[in-house]
């Protein structure tokens, strides 16, 4: 009973604004591609930046590129009415890619918080703890965890009957958006999505909060009056990125499942923003606030 394809209709109720929205999305996507590419090339070419902190930053840039590229080209095709059809398996592949990269990026942000914790609270053992092999293992673990969490979602969607429903009010494929086209109970899909979100990104946020609580407690006891502002500045960029990544994503995630009073076009706009705004802003934040990167890019 699976449809051969889905028809993505964009943002319902805002059809007259599709062109202007597409221009904004296109500009943000271009900025994300340019910024993250410059960041990657700068770190890869500059040997002095081959440190755990900057390697994690490279992972973050790769995740940002993949997250935006998995959705924005199709979104632009839908908004410009160039490509509104997507096959059933292609839709599942896009859905898996978006959430797989999202969970992996969340793990990278957790690793960056751990990196800052070791650098500030135990600096003498920093090089011994965060060796290159440990950094590689962290990256592999992030990918493995993301795969294990998101792979079952494919079968949860494949088991549903769709009764010929194929018109999806969205610009790309989301788990709950596809599930709502089914003519069957989707409670398992809803609660699996909630559990997967809180057991991955939710636990990551809690762990990040614990890390920064320990960092602040350590900074509170520093004897030098100049050490605390300097150390806090090194964490400022990371905290900005964390806020930009998690706040719109969690808001969209929860409202999409439980906010039945929120207009649908608001939900779809939020879903489009959280896959393109953080990838656009992350390299800007790190480029402006991180002096070594700023100097290398200027050079």
C-alpha atoms as a PDB file:
ATOM      1  CA  UNK A   1       0.000   0.000   0.000  1.00  0.00           C
ATOM      2  CA  UNK A   2       3.002   2.284  -0.269  1.00  0.00           C
ATOM      3  CA  UNK A   3       2.567   5.133  -2.790  1.00  0.00           C
ATOM      4  CA  UNK A   4       5.027   5.219  -5.683  1.00  0.00           C
ATOM      5  CA  UNK A   5       5.861   8.824  -4.869  1.00  0.00           C
ATOM      6  CA  UNK A   6       4.892  11.774  -2.703  1.00  0.00           C
ATOM      7  CA  UNK A   7       3.975  15.236  -3.950  1.00  0.00           C
ATOM      8  CA  UNK A   8       5.527  18.020  -1.865  1.00  0.00           C
ATOM      9  CA  UNK A   9       3.369  21.135  -2.075  1.00  0.00           C
ATOM     10  CA  UNK A  10       5.609  23.526  -0.137  1.00  0.00           C
ATOM     11  CA  UNK A  11       4.209  25.805   2.552  1.00  0.00           C
ATOM     12  CA  UNK A  12       0.387  25.714   2.500  1.00  0.00           C
ATOM     13  CA  UNK A  13      -1.242  29.106   2.798  1.00  0.00           C
ATOM     14  CA  UNK A  14       1.917  30.922   1.678  1.00  0.00           C
ATOM     15  CA  UNK A  15       2.026  29.937  -1.981  1.00  0.00           C
ATOM     16  CA  UNK A  16       2.240  33.582  -3.084  1.00  0.00           C
ATOM     17  CA  UNK A  17       5.348  34.028  -0.941  1.00  0.00           C
ATOM     18  CA  UNK A  18       7.169  30.931  -2.218  1.00  0.00           C
ATOM     19  CA  UNK A  19       9.426  32.958  -4.524  1.00  0.00           C
ATOM     20  CA  UNK A  20      10.555  35.364  -1.785  1.00  0.00           C
ATOM     21  CA  UNK A  21      11.040  32.545   0.718  1.00  0.00           C
ATOM     22  CA  UNK A  22      13.067  30.591  -1.838  1.00  0.00           C
ATOM     23  CA  UNK A  23      15.361  33.589  -2.440  1.00  0.00           C
ATOM     24  CA  UNK A  24      15.991  33.896   1.314  1.00  0.00           C
ATOM     25  CA  UNK A  25      16.634  30.156   1.664  1.00  0.00           C
ATOM     26  CA  UNK A  26      18.929  30.166  -1.373  1.00  0.00           C
ATOM     27  CA  UNK A  27      20.990  33.063   0.017  1.00  0.00           C
ATOM     28  CA  UNK A  28      21.314  31.385   3.435  1.00  0.00           C
ATOM     29  CA  UNK A  29      22.286  28.072   1.817  1.00  0.00           C
ATOM     30  CA  UNK A  30      24.913  29.791  -0.336  1.00  0.00           C
ATOM     31  CA  UNK A  31      26.336  31.503   2.757  1.00  0.00           C
ATOM     32  CA  UNK A  32      26.374  28.151   4.603  1.00  0.00           C
ATOM     33  CA  UNK A  33      28.236  26.439   1.737  1.00  0.00           C
ATOM     34  CA  UNK A  34      30.768  29.257   1.447  1.00  0.00           C
ATOM     35  CA  UNK A  35      31.355  29.722   5.179  1.00  0.00           C
ATOM     36  CA  UNK A  36      31.736  26.052   6.051  1.00  0.00           C
ATOM     37  CA  UNK A  37      33.937  25.375   3.013  1.00  0.00           C
ATOM     38  CA  UNK A  38      36.266  28.253   3.953  1.00  0.00           C
ATOM     39  CA  UNK A  39      36.361  26.954   7.532  1.00  0.00           C
ATOM     40  CA  UNK A  40      37.236  23.414   6.413  1.00  0.00           C
ATOM     41  CA  UNK A  41      39.920  24.532   3.952  1.00  0.00           C
ATOM     42  CA  UNK A  42      41.477  26.874   6.526  1.00  0.00           C
ATOM     43  CA  UNK A  43      41.739  24.195   9.218  1.00  0.00           C
ATOM     44  CA  UNK A  44      42.931  21.473   6.835  1.00  0.00           C
ATOM     45  CA  UNK A  45      45.660  23.631   5.254  1.00  0.00           C
ATOM     46  CA  UNK A  46      46.941  25.208   8.489  1.00  0.00           C
ATOM     47  CA  UNK A  47      48.958  22.616  10.463  1.00  0.00           C
ATOM     48  CA  UNK A  48      48.896  24.720  13.621  1.00  0.00           C
ATOM     49  CA  UNK A  49      45.115  24.178  13.733  1.00  0.00           C
ATOM     50  CA  UNK A  50      45.382  20.378  13.710  1.00  0.00           C
ATOM     51  CA  UNK A  51      44.282  20.167  17.340  1.00  0.00           C
ATOM     52  CA  UNK A  52      41.263  18.358  18.864  1.00  0.00           C
ATOM     53  CA  UNK A  53      39.232  21.556  19.218  1.00  0.00           C
ATOM     54  CA  UNK A  54      39.599  22.403  15.527  1.00  0.00           C
ATOM     55  CA  UNK A  55      39.164  18.811  14.375  1.00  0.00           C
ATOM     56  CA  UNK A  56      35.796  18.762  16.165  1.00  0.00           C
ATOM     57  CA  UNK A  57      35.052  22.058  14.449  1.00  0.00           C
ATOM     58  CA  UNK A  58      35.775  20.379  11.104  1.00  0.00           C
ATOM     59  CA  UNK A  59      33.303  17.627  12.015  1.00  0.00           C
ATOM     60  CA  UNK A  60      30.723  20.283  12.850  1.00  0.00           C
ATOM     61  CA  UNK A  61      31.278  22.001   9.493  1.00  0.00           C
ATOM     62  CA  UNK A  62      30.871  18.702   7.622  1.00  0.00           C
ATOM     63  CA  UNK A  63      27.627  17.998   9.506  1.00  0.00           C
ATOM     64  CA  UNK A  64      26.349  21.483   8.673  1.00  0.00           C
ATOM     65  CA  UNK A  65      27.112  21.000   4.990  1.00  0.00           C
ATOM     66  CA  UNK A  66      25.377  17.608   4.918  1.00  0.00           C
ATOM     67  CA  UNK A  67      22.352  18.761   6.930  1.00  0.00           C
ATOM     68  CA  UNK A  68      21.618  21.716   4.668  1.00  0.00           C
ATOM     69  CA  UNK A  69      22.451  19.861   1.436  1.00  0.00           C
ATOM     70  CA  UNK A  70      20.117  16.981   2.355  1.00  0.00           C
ATOM     71  CA  UNK A  71      17.126  19.343   2.356  1.00  0.00           C
ATOM     72  CA  UNK A  72      17.682  22.739   0.706  1.00  0.00           C
ATOM     73  CA  UNK A  73      18.096  21.658  -2.964  1.00  0.00           C
ATOM     74  CA  UNK A  74      14.794  19.755  -2.813  1.00  0.00           C
ATOM     75  CA  UNK A  75      13.171  22.629  -0.916  1.00  0.00           C
ATOM     76  CA  UNK A  76      14.189  25.075  -3.637  1.00  0.00           C
ATOM     77  CA  UNK A  77      12.893  22.695  -6.311  1.00  0.00           C
ATOM     78  CA  UNK A  78       9.533  22.570  -4.531  1.00  0.00           C
ATOM     79  CA  UNK A  79       9.296  26.322  -3.935  1.00  0.00           C
ATOM     80  CA  UNK A  80      10.193  27.012  -7.576  1.00  0.00           C
ATOM     81  CA  UNK A  81       7.781  24.253  -8.763  1.00  0.00           C
ATOM     82  CA  UNK A  82      10.622  22.544 -10.606  1.00  0.00           C
ATOM     83  CA  UNK A  83      10.595  19.222  -8.744  1.00  0.00           C
ATOM     84  CA  UNK A  84       7.645  18.540  -6.457  1.00  0.00           C
ATOM     85  CA  UNK A  85       7.700  14.721  -6.728  1.00  0.00           C
ATOM     86  CA  UNK A  86       9.856  12.426  -4.601  1.00  0.00           C
ATOM     87  CA  UNK A  87       9.772   8.629  -4.621  1.00  0.00           C
ATOM     88  CA  UNK A  88       8.700   6.752  -1.511  1.00  0.00           C
ATOM     89  CA  UNK A  89      12.162   5.272  -0.966  1.00  0.00           C
ATOM     90  CA  UNK A  90      13.782   8.607  -1.824  1.00  0.00           C
ATOM     91  CA  UNK A  91      11.611  10.272   0.802  1.00  0.00           C
ATOM     92  CA  UNK A  92      12.673   7.723   3.428  1.00  0.00           C
ATOM     93  CA  UNK A  93      16.314   8.207   2.427  1.00  0.00           C
ATOM     94  CA  UNK A  94      16.010  11.989   2.812  1.00  0.00           C
ATOM     95  CA  UNK A  95      14.263  11.626   6.182  1.00  0.00           C
ATOM     96  CA  UNK A  96      16.951   9.256   7.436  1.00  0.00           C
ATOM     97  CA  UNK A  97      19.749  11.530   6.200  1.00  0.00           C
ATOM     98  CA  UNK A  98      18.352  14.617   7.951  1.00  0.00           C
ATOM     99  CA  UNK A  99      17.931  12.937  11.339  1.00  0.00           C
ATOM    100  CA  UNK A 100      21.131  10.903  11.036  1.00  0.00           C
ATOM    101  CA  UNK A 101      23.181  14.071  10.518  1.00  0.00           C
ATOM    102  CA  UNK A 102      21.244  15.950  13.208  1.00  0.00           C
ATOM    103  CA  UNK A 103      21.969  13.311  15.876  1.00  0.00           C
ATOM    104  CA  UNK A 104      25.612  13.077  14.754  1.00  0.00           C
ATOM    105  CA  UNK A 105      25.998  16.872  14.970  1.00  0.00           C
ATOM    106  CA  UNK A 106      24.526  16.793  18.470  1.00  0.00           C
ATOM    107  CA  UNK A 107      27.207  14.275  19.458  1.00  0.00           C
ATOM    108  CA  UNK A 108      29.906  16.531  17.987  1.00  0.00           C
ATOM    109  CA  UNK A 109      28.656  19.446  20.091  1.00  0.00           C
ATOM    110  CA  UNK A 110      28.862  17.211  23.167  1.00  0.00           C
ATOM    111  CA  UNK A 111      32.427  16.260  22.237  1.00  0.00           C
ATOM    112  CA  UNK A 112      33.308  19.945  21.890  1.00  0.00           C
ATOM    113  CA  UNK A 113      31.895  20.616  25.365  1.00  0.00           C
ATOM    114  CA  UNK A 114      34.041  17.778  26.757  1.00  0.00           C
ATOM    115  CA  UNK A 115      37.041  19.248  24.939  1.00  0.00           C
ATOM    116  CA  UNK A 116      36.489  22.633  26.639  1.00  0.00           C
ATOM    117  CA  UNK A 117      36.000  20.904  30.012  1.00  0.00           C
ATOM    118  CA  UNK A 118      39.351  19.106  29.762  1.00  0.00           C
ATOM    119  CA  UNK A 119      41.140  22.212  28.413  1.00  0.00           C
ATOM    120  CA  UNK A 120      39.957  24.384  31.323  1.00  0.00           C
ATOM    121  CA  UNK A 121      39.580  21.977  34.250  1.00  0.00           C
ATOM    122  CA  UNK A 122      42.492  19.616  33.558  1.00  0.00           C
ATOM    123  CA  UNK A 123      44.821  21.395  31.094  1.00  0.00           C
ATOM    124  CA  UNK A 124      47.965  19.462  32.045  1.00  0.00           C
ATOM    125  CA  UNK A 125      46.406  16.192  30.860  1.00  0.00           C
ATOM    126  CA  UNK A 126      44.705  17.659  27.787  1.00  0.00           C
ATOM    127  CA  UNK A 127      47.174  16.228  25.257  1.00  0.00           C
ATOM    128  CA  UNK A 128      47.262  12.859  26.989  1.00  0.00           C
ATOM    129  CA  UNK A 129      43.460  12.502  27.104  1.00  0.00           C
ATOM    130  CA  UNK A 130      42.420  13.914  23.728  1.00  0.00           C
ATOM    131  CA  UNK A 131      44.832  12.136  21.426  1.00  0.00           C
ATOM    132  CA  UNK A 132      44.190  11.864  17.711  1.00  0.00           C
ATOM    133  CA  UNK A 133      43.006   8.250  18.065  1.00  0.00           C
ATOM    134  CA  UNK A 134      40.504   9.298  20.744  1.00  0.00           C
ATOM    135  CA  UNK A 135      39.154  12.030  18.473  1.00  0.00           C
ATOM    136  CA  UNK A 136      38.715   9.493  15.655  1.00  0.00           C
ATOM    137  CA  UNK A 137      36.934   7.069  18.006  1.00  0.00           C
ATOM    138  CA  UNK A 138      34.604   9.860  19.111  1.00  0.00           C
ATOM    139  CA  UNK A 139      33.695  10.539  15.488  1.00  0.00           C
ATOM    140  CA  UNK A 140      33.051   6.855  14.750  1.00  0.00           C
ATOM    141  CA  UNK A 141      30.969   6.496  17.921  1.00  0.00           C
ATOM    142  CA  UNK A 142      28.875   9.520  16.921  1.00  0.00           C
ATOM    143  CA  UNK A 143      28.114   7.954  13.526  1.00  0.00           C
ATOM    144  CA  UNK A 144      27.353   4.526  15.010  1.00  0.00           C
ATOM    145  CA  UNK A 145      25.001   5.965  17.633  1.00  0.00           C
ATOM    146  CA  UNK A 146      23.194   8.071  15.059  1.00  0.00           C
ATOM    147  CA  UNK A 147      22.709   5.073  12.755  1.00  0.00           C
ATOM    148  CA  UNK A 148      21.381   2.831  15.538  1.00  0.00           C
ATOM    149  CA  UNK A 149      18.901   5.470  16.717  1.00  0.00           C
ATOM    150  CA  UNK A 150      17.502   6.477  13.326  1.00  0.00           C
ATOM    151  CA  UNK A 151      17.550   3.207  11.338  1.00  0.00           C
ATOM    152  CA  UNK A 152      14.375   1.795  12.990  1.00  0.00           C
ATOM    153  CA  UNK A 153      12.418   4.875  11.868  1.00  0.00           C
ATOM    154  CA  UNK A 154      12.595   3.583   8.276  1.00  0.00           C
ATOM    155  CA  UNK A 155      10.752   0.378   9.195  1.00  0.00           C
ATOM    156  CA  UNK A 156       8.247   2.245  11.357  1.00  0.00           C
ATOM    157  CA  UNK A 157       7.222   4.177   8.238  1.00  0.00           C
ATOM    158  CA  UNK A 158       7.366   1.182   5.895  1.00  0.00           C
ATOM    159  CA  UNK A 159       4.934  -0.803   8.075  1.00  0.00           C
ATOM    160  CA  UNK A 160       2.178   1.835   7.721  1.00  0.00           C
ATOM    161  CA  UNK A 161      -0.597   1.690   5.093  1.00  0.00           C
ATOM    162  CA  UNK A 162      -1.047   4.952   3.196  1.00  0.00           C
ATOM    163  CA  UNK A 163      -4.319   4.231   1.332  1.00  0.00           C
ATOM    164  CA  UNK A 164      -3.243   6.237  -1.691  1.00  0.00           C
ATOM    165  CA  UNK A 165      -2.426   9.408   0.253  1.00  0.00           C
ATOM    166  CA  UNK A 166       0.500  11.047  -1.490  1.00  0.00           C
ATOM    167  CA  UNK A 167       0.160  14.829  -1.112  1.00  0.00           C
ATOM    168  CA  UNK A 168       2.470  16.136   1.645  1.00  0.00           C
ATOM    169  CA  UNK A 169       2.227  19.750   2.857  1.00  0.00           C
ATOM    170  CA  UNK A 170       5.954  20.239   3.308  1.00  0.00           C
ATOM    171  CA  UNK A 171       9.137  21.122   1.435  1.00  0.00           C
ATOM    172  CA  UNK A 172      11.058  17.971   2.401  1.00  0.00           C
ATOM    173  CA  UNK A 173      10.396  14.637   4.113  1.00  0.00           C
ATOM    174  CA  UNK A 174      10.131  14.545   7.894  1.00  0.00           C
ATOM    175  CA  UNK A 175       9.356  11.453   9.965  1.00  0.00           C
ATOM    176  CA  UNK A 176       6.140  12.693  11.529  1.00  0.00           C
ATOM    177  CA  UNK A 177       5.081  14.471   8.332  1.00  0.00           C
ATOM    178  CA  UNK A 178       5.241  11.195   6.378  1.00  0.00           C
ATOM    179  CA  UNK A 179       3.578   9.220   9.192  1.00  0.00           C
ATOM    180  CA  UNK A 180       0.560  11.564   9.231  1.00  0.00           C
ATOM    181  CA  UNK A 181      -0.232  10.559   5.654  1.00  0.00           C
ATOM    182  CA  UNK A 182      -0.917   6.999   6.845  1.00  0.00           C
ATOM    183  CA  UNK A 183      -4.453   5.707   7.388  1.00  0.00           C
ATOM    184  CA  UNK A 184      -3.530   3.906  10.623  1.00  0.00           C
ATOM    185  CA  UNK A 185      -2.581   4.613  14.204  1.00  0.00           C
ATOM    186  CA  UNK A 186       0.819   6.364  14.356  1.00  0.00           C
ATOM    187  CA  UNK A 187       1.211   6.467  18.149  1.00  0.00           C
ATOM    188  CA  UNK A 188       4.299   4.247  17.958  1.00  0.00           C
ATOM    189  CA  UNK A 189       5.911   6.635  15.465  1.00  0.00           C
ATOM    190  CA  UNK A 190       5.157   9.651  17.654  1.00  0.00           C
ATOM    191  CA  UNK A 191       6.521   8.120  20.840  1.00  0.00           C
ATOM    192  CA  UNK A 192       9.530   6.599  19.098  1.00  0.00           C
ATOM    193  CA  UNK A 193      10.376  10.043  17.737  1.00  0.00           C
ATOM    194  CA  UNK A 194      10.048  11.560  21.209  1.00  0.00           C
ATOM    195  CA  UNK A 195      12.156   8.809  22.796  1.00  0.00           C
ATOM    196  CA  UNK A 196      14.820   9.001  20.081  1.00  0.00           C
ATOM    197  CA  UNK A 197      15.016  12.775  20.422  1.00  0.00           C
ATOM    198  CA  UNK A 198      15.382  12.805  24.185  1.00  0.00           C
ATOM    199  CA  UNK A 199      17.715   9.797  24.362  1.00  0.00           C
ATOM    200  CA  UNK A 200      20.068  11.400  21.839  1.00  0.00           C
ATOM    201  CA  UNK A 201      19.919  15.189  21.692  1.00  0.00           C
ATOM    202  CA  UNK A 202      18.169  15.410  25.067  1.00  0.00           C
ATOM    203  CA  UNK A 203      20.894  13.497  26.901  1.00  0.00           C
ATOM    204  CA  UNK A 204      23.520  15.450  24.982  1.00  0.00           C
ATOM    205  CA  UNK A 205      22.053  18.752  26.207  1.00  0.00           C
ATOM    206  CA  UNK A 206      22.048  17.489  29.802  1.00  0.00           C
ATOM    207  CA  UNK A 207      25.672  16.349  29.481  1.00  0.00           C
ATOM    208  CA  UNK A 208      26.683  19.689  27.937  1.00  0.00           C
ATOM    209  CA  UNK A 209      24.969  21.517  30.791  1.00  0.00           C
ATOM    210  CA  UNK A 210      26.862  19.380  33.333  1.00  0.00           C
ATOM    211  CA  UNK A 211      30.164  20.094  31.533  1.00  0.00           C
ATOM    212  CA  UNK A 212      29.650  23.844  31.603  1.00  0.00           C
ATOM    213  CA  UNK A 213      28.491  23.765  35.205  1.00  0.00           C
ATOM    214  CA  UNK A 214      31.798  22.103  36.112  1.00  0.00           C
ATOM    215  CA  UNK A 215      33.678  24.608  33.945  1.00  0.00           C
ATOM    216  CA  UNK A 216      32.028  27.577  35.668  1.00  0.00           C
ATOM    217  CA  UNK A 217      32.696  26.075  39.086  1.00  0.00           C
ATOM    218  CA  UNK A 218      36.356  25.606  38.130  1.00  0.00           C
ATOM    219  CA  UNK A 219      36.624  29.166  36.809  1.00  0.00           C
ATOM    220  CA  UNK A 220      35.109  30.505  40.008  1.00  0.00           C
ATOM    221  CA  UNK A 221      38.115  29.253  41.934  1.00  0.00           C
ATOM    222  CA  UNK A 222      40.806  30.589  39.603  1.00  0.00           C
ATOM    223  CA  UNK A 223      43.220  32.950  41.386  1.00  0.00           C
ATOM    224  CA  UNK A 224      43.919  35.211  38.423  1.00  0.00           C
ATOM    225  CA  UNK A 225      41.375  37.894  37.726  1.00  0.00           C
ATOM    226  CA  UNK A 226      42.277  37.807  34.021  1.00  0.00           C
ATOM    227  CA  UNK A 227      42.039  34.044  33.590  1.00  0.00           C
ATOM    228  CA  UNK A 228      38.271  33.780  33.998  1.00  0.00           C
ATOM    229  CA  UNK A 229      37.274  36.227  31.198  1.00  0.00           C
ATOM    230  CA  UNK A 230      39.791  34.636  28.843  1.00  0.00           C
ATOM    231  CA  UNK A 231      38.555  31.118  29.563  1.00  0.00           C
ATOM    232  CA  UNK A 232      34.926  32.187  29.282  1.00  0.00           C
ATOM    233  CA  UNK A 233      35.664  33.769  25.902  1.00  0.00           C
ATOM    234  CA  UNK A 234      36.926  30.414  24.595  1.00  0.00           C
ATOM    235  CA  UNK A 235      33.576  28.860  25.555  1.00  0.00           C
ATOM    236  CA  UNK A 236      31.443  31.733  24.262  1.00  0.00           C
ATOM    237  CA  UNK A 237      31.508  30.596  20.635  1.00  0.00           C
ATOM    238  CA  UNK A 238      30.505  27.075  21.587  1.00  0.00           C
ATOM    239  CA  UNK A 239      27.610  28.280  23.743  1.00  0.00           C
ATOM    240  CA  UNK A 240      26.336  30.447  20.873  1.00  0.00           C
ATOM    241  CA  UNK A 241      26.419  27.483  18.492  1.00  0.00           C
ATOM    242  CA  UNK A 242      24.663  25.244  21.035  1.00  0.00           C
ATOM    243  CA  UNK A 243      21.849  27.770  21.473  1.00  0.00           C
ATOM    244  CA  UNK A 244      21.402  28.207  17.702  1.00  0.00           C
ATOM    245  CA  UNK A 245      21.361  24.448  17.117  1.00  0.00           C
ATOM    246  CA  UNK A 246      19.136  23.140  19.899  1.00  0.00           C
ATOM    247  CA  UNK A 247      16.552  25.874  20.536  1.00  0.00           C
ATOM    248  CA  UNK A 248      14.845  25.964  17.107  1.00  0.00           C
ATOM    249  CA  UNK A 249      15.254  22.201  16.657  1.00  0.00           C
ATOM    250  CA  UNK A 250      13.631  21.270  19.984  1.00  0.00           C
ATOM    251  CA  UNK A 251      10.893  23.859  19.548  1.00  0.00           C
ATOM    252  CA  UNK A 252      10.070  22.562  16.072  1.00  0.00           C
ATOM    253  CA  UNK A 253      10.340  18.936  17.238  1.00  0.00           C
ATOM    254  CA  UNK A 254       7.927  19.328  20.166  1.00  0.00           C
ATOM    255  CA  UNK A 255       5.449  21.679  18.507  1.00  0.00           C
ATOM    256  CA  UNK A 256       5.251  19.456  15.420  1.00  0.00           C
ATOM    257  CA  UNK A 257       4.125  16.548  17.630  1.00  0.00           C
ATOM    258  CA  UNK A 258       2.093  18.209  20.359  1.00  0.00           C
ATOM    259  CA  UNK A 259       1.324  21.779  19.246  1.00  0.00           C
ATOM    260  CA  UNK A 260      -1.897  21.068  17.382  1.00  0.00           C
ATOM    261  CA  UNK A 261      -3.011  24.713  17.698  1.00  0.00           C
ATOM    262  CA  UNK A 262       0.061  26.064  15.900  1.00  0.00           C
ATOM    263  CA  UNK A 263      -0.621  26.886  12.208  1.00  0.00           C
ATOM    264  CA  UNK A 264       0.905  24.381   9.810  1.00  0.00           C
ATOM    265  CA  UNK A 265       2.803  26.994   7.795  1.00  0.00           C
ATOM    266  CA  UNK A 266       4.600  28.077  11.010  1.00  0.00           C
ATOM    267  CA  UNK A 267       5.711  24.491  11.642  1.00  0.00           C
ATOM    268  CA  UNK A 268       7.016  24.104   8.092  1.00  0.00           C
ATOM    269  CA  UNK A 269       8.863  27.432   8.219  1.00  0.00           C
ATOM    270  CA  UNK A 270      10.528  26.389  11.488  1.00  0.00           C
ATOM    271  CA  UNK A 271      11.493  23.026  10.006  1.00  0.00           C
ATOM    272  CA  UNK A 272      13.179  24.823   7.110  1.00  0.00           C
ATOM    273  CA  UNK A 273      14.950  27.331   9.322  1.00  0.00           C
ATOM    274  CA  UNK A 274      16.613  24.841  11.672  1.00  0.00           C
ATOM    275  CA  UNK A 275      18.319  23.029   8.776  1.00  0.00           C
ATOM    276  CA  UNK A 276      19.760  26.180   7.180  1.00  0.00           C
ATOM    277  CA  UNK A 277      20.184  28.917   9.818  1.00  0.00           C
ATOM    278  CA  UNK A 278      22.668  27.121  12.155  1.00  0.00           C
ATOM    279  CA  UNK A 279      24.829  25.929   9.211  1.00  0.00           C
ATOM    280  CA  UNK A 280      24.928  29.525   7.967  1.00  0.00           C
ATOM    281  CA  UNK A 281      25.748  31.121  11.335  1.00  0.00           C
ATOM    282  CA  UNK A 282      28.170  28.570  12.818  1.00  0.00           C
ATOM    283  CA  UNK A 283      31.189  29.450  10.624  1.00  0.00           C
ATOM    284  CA  UNK A 284      30.452  33.156  11.122  1.00  0.00           C
ATOM    285  CA  UNK A 285      30.422  32.749  14.914  1.00  0.00           C
ATOM    286  CA  UNK A 286      33.652  30.746  14.980  1.00  0.00           C
ATOM    287  CA  UNK A 287      35.303  32.951  12.382  1.00  0.00           C
ATOM    288  CA  UNK A 288      34.580  36.130  14.344  1.00  0.00           C
ATOM    289  CA  UNK A 289      35.153  34.872  17.893  1.00  0.00           C
ATOM    290  CA  UNK A 290      38.080  32.471  17.380  1.00  0.00           C
ATOM    291  CA  UNK A 291      41.247  34.491  16.846  1.00  0.00           C
ATOM    292  CA  UNK A 292      43.470  31.798  15.209  1.00  0.00           C
ATOM    293  CA  UNK A 293      40.792  31.052  12.609  1.00  0.00           C
ATOM    294  CA  UNK A 294      40.094  34.739  12.008  1.00  0.00           C
ATOM    295  CA  UNK A 295      43.793  35.427  11.432  1.00  0.00           C
ATOM    296  CA  UNK A 296      44.264  32.450   9.072  1.00  0.00           C
ATOM    297  CA  UNK A 297      41.205  33.350   7.010  1.00  0.00           C
ATOM    298  CA  UNK A 298      42.395  36.966   6.733  1.00  0.00           C
ATOM    299  CA  UNK A 299      45.846  35.749   5.684  1.00  0.00           C
END
